[in-house]
């Protein structure tokens, strides 16, 4: 009764981890190249990954934080350097 029983993870839990990592990657690229075109879909991917939950919930939370920070810094750098937002 007190023994640890490993449970099989569902495929959606692994997809959530991949979506979170893809969102982080895309948002970091978006800081340097077209922030609105890349970071807004990355935010949606990060929120979708966090809604899916599972064992990668901390990664999904980190993805939401990284994409939000990337949105801020991407827009800030684009305005300061007069780089196109779109």
C-alpha atoms as a PDB file:
ATOM      1  CA  UNK A   1       0.000   0.000   0.000  1.00  0.00           C
ATOM      2  CA  UNK A   2       2.820   2.407   0.738  1.00  0.00           C
ATOM      3  CA  UNK A   3       4.922   1.250  -2.194  1.00  0.00           C
ATOM      4  CA  UNK A   4       5.454   3.571  -5.107  1.00  0.00           C
ATOM      5  CA  UNK A   5       3.602   2.478  -8.193  1.00  0.00           C
ATOM      6  CA  UNK A   6       4.770   4.149 -11.389  1.00  0.00           C
ATOM      7  CA  UNK A   7       1.934   5.308 -13.561  1.00  0.00           C
ATOM      8  CA  UNK A   8       1.986   5.554 -17.285  1.00  0.00           C
ATOM      9  CA  UNK A   9       1.888   9.073 -18.529  1.00  0.00           C
ATOM     10  CA  UNK A  10      -0.564  10.017 -21.192  1.00  0.00           C
ATOM     11  CA  UNK A  11       0.655  11.202 -24.582  1.00  0.00           C
ATOM     12  CA  UNK A  12      -0.946  14.601 -23.984  1.00  0.00           C
ATOM     13  CA  UNK A  13       1.390  15.141 -21.029  1.00  0.00           C
ATOM     14  CA  UNK A  14       4.416  14.650 -23.271  1.00  0.00           C
ATOM     15  CA  UNK A  15       2.911  16.923 -25.903  1.00  0.00           C
ATOM     16  CA  UNK A  16       2.534  19.605 -23.232  1.00  0.00           C
ATOM     17  CA  UNK A  17       6.248  19.384 -22.477  1.00  0.00           C
ATOM     18  CA  UNK A  18       7.155  19.683 -26.139  1.00  0.00           C
ATOM     19  CA  UNK A  19       4.804  22.627 -26.625  1.00  0.00           C
ATOM     20  CA  UNK A  20       6.332  24.411 -23.650  1.00  0.00           C
ATOM     21  CA  UNK A  21       9.873  23.926 -24.918  1.00  0.00           C
ATOM     22  CA  UNK A  22       8.901  25.022 -28.436  1.00  0.00           C
ATOM     23  CA  UNK A  23       7.231  28.135 -26.990  1.00  0.00           C
ATOM     24  CA  UNK A  24      10.407  29.057 -25.113  1.00  0.00           C
ATOM     25  CA  UNK A  25      12.543  28.558 -28.218  1.00  0.00           C
ATOM     26  CA  UNK A  26      10.249  30.564 -30.493  1.00  0.00           C
ATOM     27  CA  UNK A  27       9.864  33.430 -28.043  1.00  0.00           C
ATOM     28  CA  UNK A  28      13.616  33.793 -27.580  1.00  0.00           C
ATOM     29  CA  UNK A  29      14.056  33.963 -31.346  1.00  0.00           C
ATOM     30  CA  UNK A  30      11.217  36.492 -31.483  1.00  0.00           C
ATOM     31  CA  UNK A  31      13.164  38.964 -29.360  1.00  0.00           C
ATOM     32  CA  UNK A  32      15.601  39.518 -32.201  1.00  0.00           C
ATOM     33  CA  UNK A  33      13.336  38.957 -35.216  1.00  0.00           C
ATOM     34  CA  UNK A  34       9.732  40.201 -35.611  1.00  0.00           C
ATOM     35  CA  UNK A  35       8.434  40.124 -32.042  1.00  0.00           C
ATOM     36  CA  UNK A  36       4.713  40.208 -32.768  1.00  0.00           C
ATOM     37  CA  UNK A  37       4.857  37.604 -35.503  1.00  0.00           C
ATOM     38  CA  UNK A  38       6.636  35.026 -33.341  1.00  0.00           C
ATOM     39  CA  UNK A  39       5.996  35.803 -29.690  1.00  0.00           C
ATOM     40  CA  UNK A  40       2.194  36.002 -29.812  1.00  0.00           C
ATOM     41  CA  UNK A  41       1.827  32.415 -31.127  1.00  0.00           C
ATOM     42  CA  UNK A  42       4.475  31.336 -28.618  1.00  0.00           C
ATOM     43  CA  UNK A  43       2.358  32.795 -25.806  1.00  0.00           C
ATOM     44  CA  UNK A  44      -0.603  30.776 -27.035  1.00  0.00           C
ATOM     45  CA  UNK A  45       1.513  27.607 -27.125  1.00  0.00           C
ATOM     46  CA  UNK A  46       2.761  28.237 -23.597  1.00  0.00           C
ATOM     47  CA  UNK A  47      -0.754  28.802 -22.280  1.00  0.00           C
ATOM     48  CA  UNK A  48      -1.967  25.669 -24.035  1.00  0.00           C
ATOM     49  CA  UNK A  49       0.865  23.661 -22.496  1.00  0.00           C
ATOM     50  CA  UNK A  50       0.067  24.992 -19.042  1.00  0.00           C
ATOM     51  CA  UNK A  51      -3.602  24.101 -19.477  1.00  0.00           C
ATOM     52  CA  UNK A  52      -2.699  20.537 -20.424  1.00  0.00           C
ATOM     53  CA  UNK A  53      -0.872  20.048 -17.122  1.00  0.00           C
ATOM     54  CA  UNK A  54       0.901  16.814 -16.296  1.00  0.00           C
ATOM     55  CA  UNK A  55       4.424  16.214 -15.054  1.00  0.00           C
ATOM     56  CA  UNK A  56       5.810  19.077 -17.135  1.00  0.00           C
ATOM     57  CA  UNK A  57       3.763  21.703 -15.329  1.00  0.00           C
ATOM     58  CA  UNK A  58       6.849  23.548 -14.037  1.00  0.00           C
ATOM     59  CA  UNK A  59       8.245  23.705 -17.575  1.00  0.00           C
ATOM     60  CA  UNK A  60       4.933  25.080 -18.815  1.00  0.00           C
ATOM     61  CA  UNK A  61       4.962  27.713 -16.067  1.00  0.00           C
ATOM     62  CA  UNK A  62       8.508  28.674 -17.042  1.00  0.00           C
ATOM     63  CA  UNK A  63       7.382  28.890 -20.673  1.00  0.00           C
ATOM     64  CA  UNK A  64       4.614  31.324 -19.749  1.00  0.00           C
ATOM     65  CA  UNK A  65       7.071  33.495 -17.818  1.00  0.00           C
ATOM     66  CA  UNK A  66       9.715  33.413 -20.566  1.00  0.00           C
ATOM     67  CA  UNK A  67       7.215  34.262 -23.302  1.00  0.00           C
ATOM     68  CA  UNK A  68       5.793  37.151 -21.290  1.00  0.00           C
ATOM     69  CA  UNK A  69       9.275  38.534 -20.641  1.00  0.00           C
ATOM     70  CA  UNK A  70      10.216  37.997 -24.284  1.00  0.00           C
ATOM     71  CA  UNK A  71       7.144  39.933 -25.369  1.00  0.00           C
ATOM     72  CA  UNK A  72       8.154  42.879 -23.216  1.00  0.00           C
ATOM     73  CA  UNK A  73      11.829  42.862 -24.185  1.00  0.00           C
ATOM     74  CA  UNK A  74      11.113  42.123 -27.849  1.00  0.00           C
ATOM     75  CA  UNK A  75       8.816  45.104 -28.172  1.00  0.00           C
ATOM     76  CA  UNK A  76      11.178  47.289 -26.179  1.00  0.00           C
ATOM     77  CA  UNK A  77      14.162  46.421 -28.365  1.00  0.00           C
ATOM     78  CA  UNK A  78      12.126  46.809 -31.553  1.00  0.00           C
ATOM     79  CA  UNK A  79      10.999  50.301 -30.552  1.00  0.00           C
ATOM     80  CA  UNK A  80      14.445  51.392 -29.379  1.00  0.00           C
ATOM     81  CA  UNK A  81      16.214  50.136 -32.514  1.00  0.00           C
ATOM     82  CA  UNK A  82      13.352  51.163 -34.862  1.00  0.00           C
ATOM     83  CA  UNK A  83      13.063  47.575 -36.044  1.00  0.00           C
ATOM     84  CA  UNK A  84       9.676  46.542 -37.509  1.00  0.00           C
ATOM     85  CA  UNK A  85       7.293  44.956 -35.034  1.00  0.00           C
ATOM     86  CA  UNK A  86       5.477  42.864 -37.593  1.00  0.00           C
END
